[in-house]
Amino acid sequence: MSNWERLVWNQRGVLLQGLAVTVEVCLIAFAVAIVGGLTLCLIRMHVRPLRPVAIVLIEFFRATPIFVQLMWVTYVWPELFGWPNSFFTAGWLALGLQSSGYLAETFRAGIEGIARGHREAGYALGMPPLLVFRRIVMPQTLLTVAPSIVNQFTVIVKSSTLISVITVQDLMFQAMKLVNVWYEPIEILTVTAALYILFVFLVSTAGKLLADRLRRRYGLAAA
């Protein structure tokens, strides 16, 4: 029996189980980052009394290493707020919070880059501000910042390897457990790296296809 069969093929169930956890954590963290980033962006731009709070949070999330934020959310938040109450929740929350800081600035750059005349045209047609934002501002913003959003998702995927430190049984956790059992890391970690590469490739491809579809729908040439 070859090492690849013994260490990889025979352990495929464990590795795929870890991959499923990684995918779940990354998807939840990405959703949190999108919602959190857009919320912080809009507060910074349009809610003057809370603008300093939004700026502080954005800079804190961007400037703090992900490992520090992971430890902070895992061990400090439960003492202060009584939540999160599981390592799994702490994992996606820390990943989502850090990325929300970057996405807040991404959204702000996209919104500020839209020509004022586009908004004024909507107002001239009698559209209320919220409808102008939903029908004119956000579609153009999303098309502009789509590559940056997809790139941030790949950052989440790569940063997710750290959640194994708090015993979340993701792909990296399962891979290191197998390494510690067999003491033969080459085959196991090579396949682990390949699975991460495949995941990132699929995310990047899906993001590009979605962006191209949206550009065609709104009559813009694909980049």
Protein backbone atom coordinates (compact mmCIF):
# COMPACT_ATOMS: atom_id res chain seq x y z
CA MET A 1 0.00 0.00 0.00
CA SER A 2 1.50 3.35 -1.05
CA ASN A 3 1.77 6.32 1.27
CA TRP A 4 -0.73 8.25 -0.86
CA GLU A 5 -3.32 5.52 -0.48
CA ARG A 6 -2.67 4.98 3.22
CA LEU A 7 -2.35 8.63 4.27
CA VAL A 8 -4.66 10.38 1.84
CA TRP A 9 -7.16 8.11 0.12
CA ASN A 10 -7.96 6.06 3.20
CA GLN A 11 -8.34 9.28 5.20
CA ARG A 12 -10.41 11.11 2.60
CA GLY A 13 -13.50 11.09 4.79
CA VAL A 14 -11.72 12.96 7.56
CA LEU A 15 -10.21 15.48 5.13
CA LEU A 16 -13.50 16.09 3.35
CA GLN A 17 -15.24 16.54 6.68
CA GLY A 18 -12.66 19.18 7.59
CA LEU A 19 -13.09 20.82 4.18
CA ALA A 20 -16.85 21.03 4.75
CA VAL A 21 -16.26 22.85 8.05
CA THR A 22 -13.83 25.23 6.33
CA VAL A 23 -16.37 26.02 3.61
CA GLU A 24 -19.12 26.61 6.18
CA VAL A 25 -16.96 28.90 8.31
CA CYS A 26 -15.79 30.90 5.29
CA LEU A 27 -19.29 31.36 3.88
CA ILE A 28 -20.70 32.56 7.21
CA ALA A 29 -17.71 34.85 7.78
CA PHE A 30 -18.08 36.29 4.28
CA ALA A 31 -21.76 37.04 4.83
CA VAL A 32 -20.91 38.75 8.13
CA ALA A 33 -18.15 40.74 6.41
CA ILE A 34 -20.49 41.92 3.64
CA VAL A 35 -23.24 43.02 6.02
CA GLY A 36 -20.84 44.46 8.58
CA GLY A 37 -18.72 46.23 6.00
CA LEU A 38 -21.68 47.85 4.24
CA THR A 39 -23.19 48.88 7.58
CA LEU A 40 -19.96 50.49 8.79
CA CYS A 41 -19.53 52.19 5.43
CA LEU A 42 -23.00 53.73 5.45
CA ILE A 43 -22.69 54.82 9.08
CA ARG A 44 -19.35 56.48 8.33
CA MET A 45 -20.74 58.27 5.29
CA HIS A 46 -24.26 59.23 6.39
CA VAL A 47 -24.70 59.00 10.19
CA ARG A 48 -22.67 61.91 11.53
CA PRO A 49 -23.15 61.24 15.29
CA LEU A 50 -21.85 57.66 14.92
CA ARG A 51 -19.13 58.42 12.38
CA PRO A 52 -16.27 58.41 14.95
CA VAL A 53 -17.42 55.02 16.23
CA ALA A 54 -17.49 53.56 12.72
CA ILE A 55 -14.04 54.95 11.95
CA VAL A 56 -12.57 53.50 15.14
CA LEU A 57 -14.09 50.07 14.45
CA ILE A 58 -12.93 50.05 10.82
CA GLU A 59 -9.38 50.98 11.75
CA PHE A 60 -9.33 48.50 14.63
CA PHE A 61 -10.49 45.61 12.46
CA ARG A 62 -8.01 46.51 9.72
CA ALA A 63 -5.01 47.17 11.95
CA THR A 64 -5.25 44.20 14.30
CA PRO A 65 -3.72 40.87 13.19
CA ILE A 66 -6.30 38.17 12.60
CA PHE A 67 -4.70 35.90 15.20
CA VAL A 68 -5.06 38.60 17.86
CA GLN A 69 -8.69 39.18 16.89
CA LEU A 70 -9.34 35.45 16.99
CA MET A 71 -7.97 35.21 20.53
CA TRP A 72 -9.83 38.36 21.54
CA VAL A 73 -13.20 37.14 20.27
CA THR A 74 -12.67 33.62 21.63
CA TYR A 75 -11.54 34.45 25.14
CA VAL A 76 -12.42 38.10 25.86
CA TRP A 77 -15.90 38.44 24.37
CA PRO A 78 -17.41 35.58 26.43
CA GLU A 79 -16.17 37.30 29.59
CA LEU A 80 -17.54 40.69 28.54
CA PHE A 81 -20.71 39.79 26.64
CA GLY A 82 -21.40 36.12 27.37
CA TRP A 83 -21.07 35.38 23.64
CA PRO A 84 -19.88 33.63 21.49
CA ASN A 85 -20.49 30.40 23.33
CA SER A 86 -18.64 28.07 20.95
CA PHE A 87 -15.27 27.99 19.20
CA PHE A 88 -16.99 27.53 15.85
CA THR A 89 -18.93 30.78 16.30
CA ALA A 90 -15.82 32.59 17.51
CA GLY A 91 -13.98 31.44 14.39
CA TRP A 92 -16.37 32.83 11.79
CA LEU A 93 -17.06 35.93 13.86
CA ALA A 94 -13.38 36.90 14.07
CA LEU A 95 -12.86 36.29 10.36
CA GLY A 96 -15.97 38.27 9.49
CA LEU A 97 -15.12 41.22 11.71
CA GLN A 98 -11.64 41.68 10.29
CA SER A 99 -12.84 41.49 6.70
CA SER A 100 -15.71 43.88 7.44
CA GLY A 101 -13.13 46.59 8.11
CA TYR A 102 -11.56 46.13 4.70
CA LEU A 103 -14.89 45.83 2.90
CA ALA A 104 -16.18 49.00 4.57
CA GLU A 105 -13.40 50.95 2.84
CA THR A 106 -13.97 49.03 -0.39
CA PHE A 107 -17.66 49.94 -0.41
CA ARG A 108 -16.89 53.56 0.45
CA ALA A 109 -14.47 53.88 -2.45
CA GLY A 110 -17.02 52.36 -4.81
CA ILE A 111 -19.88 54.60 -3.66
CA GLU A 112 -17.77 57.76 -3.77
CA GLY A 113 -16.60 56.85 -7.29
CA ILE A 114 -20.12 57.05 -8.75
CA ALA A 115 -20.76 60.23 -10.70
CA ARG A 116 -23.06 62.68 -8.92
CA GLY A 117 -25.09 63.04 -12.09
CA HIS A 118 -26.32 59.47 -11.78
CA ARG A 119 -27.92 60.22 -8.43
CA GLU A 120 -29.30 63.53 -9.63
CA ALA A 121 -30.91 61.78 -12.60
CA GLY A 122 -32.72 59.46 -10.19
CA TYR A 123 -33.89 62.37 -8.05
CA ALA A 124 -35.09 64.19 -11.19
CA LEU A 125 -37.31 61.20 -11.95
CA GLY A 126 -38.91 61.51 -8.52
CA MET A 127 -37.12 58.53 -6.94
CA PRO A 128 -36.69 58.74 -3.14
CA PRO A 129 -33.14 58.52 -1.73
CA LEU A 130 -33.46 54.88 -0.65
CA LEU A 131 -34.65 53.84 -4.09
CA VAL A 132 -31.82 55.78 -5.73
CA PHE A 133 -29.37 53.96 -3.48
CA ARG A 134 -30.90 50.55 -4.20
CA ARG A 135 -31.47 50.91 -7.93
CA ILE A 136 -28.63 53.19 -9.01
CA VAL A 137 -25.86 53.41 -6.42
CA MET A 138 -25.54 49.83 -5.20
CA PRO A 139 -25.60 48.04 -8.59
CA GLN A 140 -22.81 50.27 -9.90
CA THR A 141 -20.88 49.97 -6.66
CA LEU A 142 -21.06 46.18 -6.67
CA LEU A 143 -19.89 46.02 -10.27
CA THR A 144 -16.96 48.30 -9.48
CA VAL A 145 -15.81 46.58 -6.31
CA ALA A 146 -16.63 42.97 -7.28
CA PRO A 147 -12.95 41.99 -7.81
CA SER A 148 -12.02 43.39 -4.39
CA ILE A 149 -14.91 41.56 -2.73
CA VAL A 150 -13.86 38.25 -4.29
CA ASN A 151 -10.27 38.90 -3.26
CA GLN A 152 -11.42 39.47 0.31
CA PHE A 153 -13.20 36.13 0.25
CA THR A 154 -9.93 34.45 -0.70
CA VAL A 155 -8.28 36.25 2.22
CA ILE A 156 -10.93 34.79 4.52
CA VAL A 157 -10.24 31.30 3.15
CA LYS A 158 -6.51 31.61 3.77
CA SER A 159 -6.97 33.19 7.20
CA SER A 160 -9.38 30.42 8.18
CA THR A 161 -6.44 28.06 8.68
CA LEU A 162 -5.87 29.80 12.02
CA ILE A 163 -9.17 28.68 13.52
CA SER A 164 -7.63 25.24 13.98
CA VAL A 165 -5.70 26.86 16.86
CA ILE A 166 -8.95 27.15 18.83
CA THR A 167 -9.81 23.51 18.01
CA VAL A 168 -12.36 24.18 15.29
CA GLN A 169 -12.21 20.96 13.29
CA ASP A 170 -11.63 22.50 9.89
CA LEU A 171 -9.44 21.15 7.09
CA MET A 172 -6.21 22.36 8.69
CA PHE A 173 -7.15 20.86 12.05
CA GLN A 174 -7.87 17.46 10.51
CA ALA A 175 -4.69 17.58 8.42
CA MET A 176 -2.50 18.33 11.43
CA LYS A 177 -4.24 15.63 13.44
CA LEU A 178 -3.34 13.09 10.74
CA VAL A 179 0.23 14.39 10.63
CA ASN A 180 0.53 13.95 14.39
CA VAL A 181 -0.77 10.39 14.10
CA TRP A 182 1.36 9.22 11.16
CA TYR A 183 4.37 11.60 11.37
CA GLU A 184 4.48 11.73 7.57
CA PRO A 185 3.51 15.28 6.60
CA ILE A 186 4.48 15.43 2.92
CA GLU A 187 1.50 13.66 1.38
CA ILE A 188 -1.07 14.97 3.87
CA LEU A 189 -0.05 18.62 3.71
CA THR A 190 0.39 18.50 -0.05
CA VAL A 191 -3.20 17.37 -0.51
CA THR A 192 -4.34 19.91 2.07
CA ALA A 193 -2.65 22.70 0.12
CA ALA A 194 -4.22 21.40 -3.10
CA LEU A 195 -7.69 21.48 -1.53
CA TYR A 196 -7.21 25.09 -0.41
CA ILE A 197 -5.96 26.04 -3.89
CA LEU A 198 -8.99 24.35 -5.46
CA PHE A 199 -11.35 26.15 -3.09
CA VAL A 200 -9.79 29.55 -3.83
CA PHE A 201 -9.83 28.82 -7.58
CA LEU A 202 -13.53 27.93 -7.50
CA VAL A 203 -14.34 31.06 -5.50
CA SER A 204 -12.39 33.28 -7.90
CA THR A 205 -13.98 31.66 -10.96
CA ALA A 206 -17.50 31.93 -9.52
CA GLY A 207 -16.90 35.56 -8.62
CA LYS A 208 -15.71 36.43 -12.11
CA LEU A 209 -18.64 34.65 -13.75
CA LEU A 210 -21.10 36.46 -11.49
CA ALA A 211 -19.49 39.84 -12.15
CA ASP A 212 -19.53 39.26 -15.91
CA ARG A 213 -23.19 38.26 -15.77
CA LEU A 214 -24.09 41.40 -13.84
CA ARG A 215 -22.16 43.56 -16.29
CA ARG A 216 -24.02 42.04 -19.21
CA ARG A 217 -27.33 42.47 -17.41
CA TYR A 218 -26.68 46.15 -16.81
CA GLY A 219 -25.30 46.74 -20.27
CA LEU A 220 -21.64 47.12 -19.32
CA ALA A 221 -18.72 45.48 -21.05
CA ALA A 222 -17.02 42.72 -19.11
CA ALA A 223 -13.57 43.56 -17.85
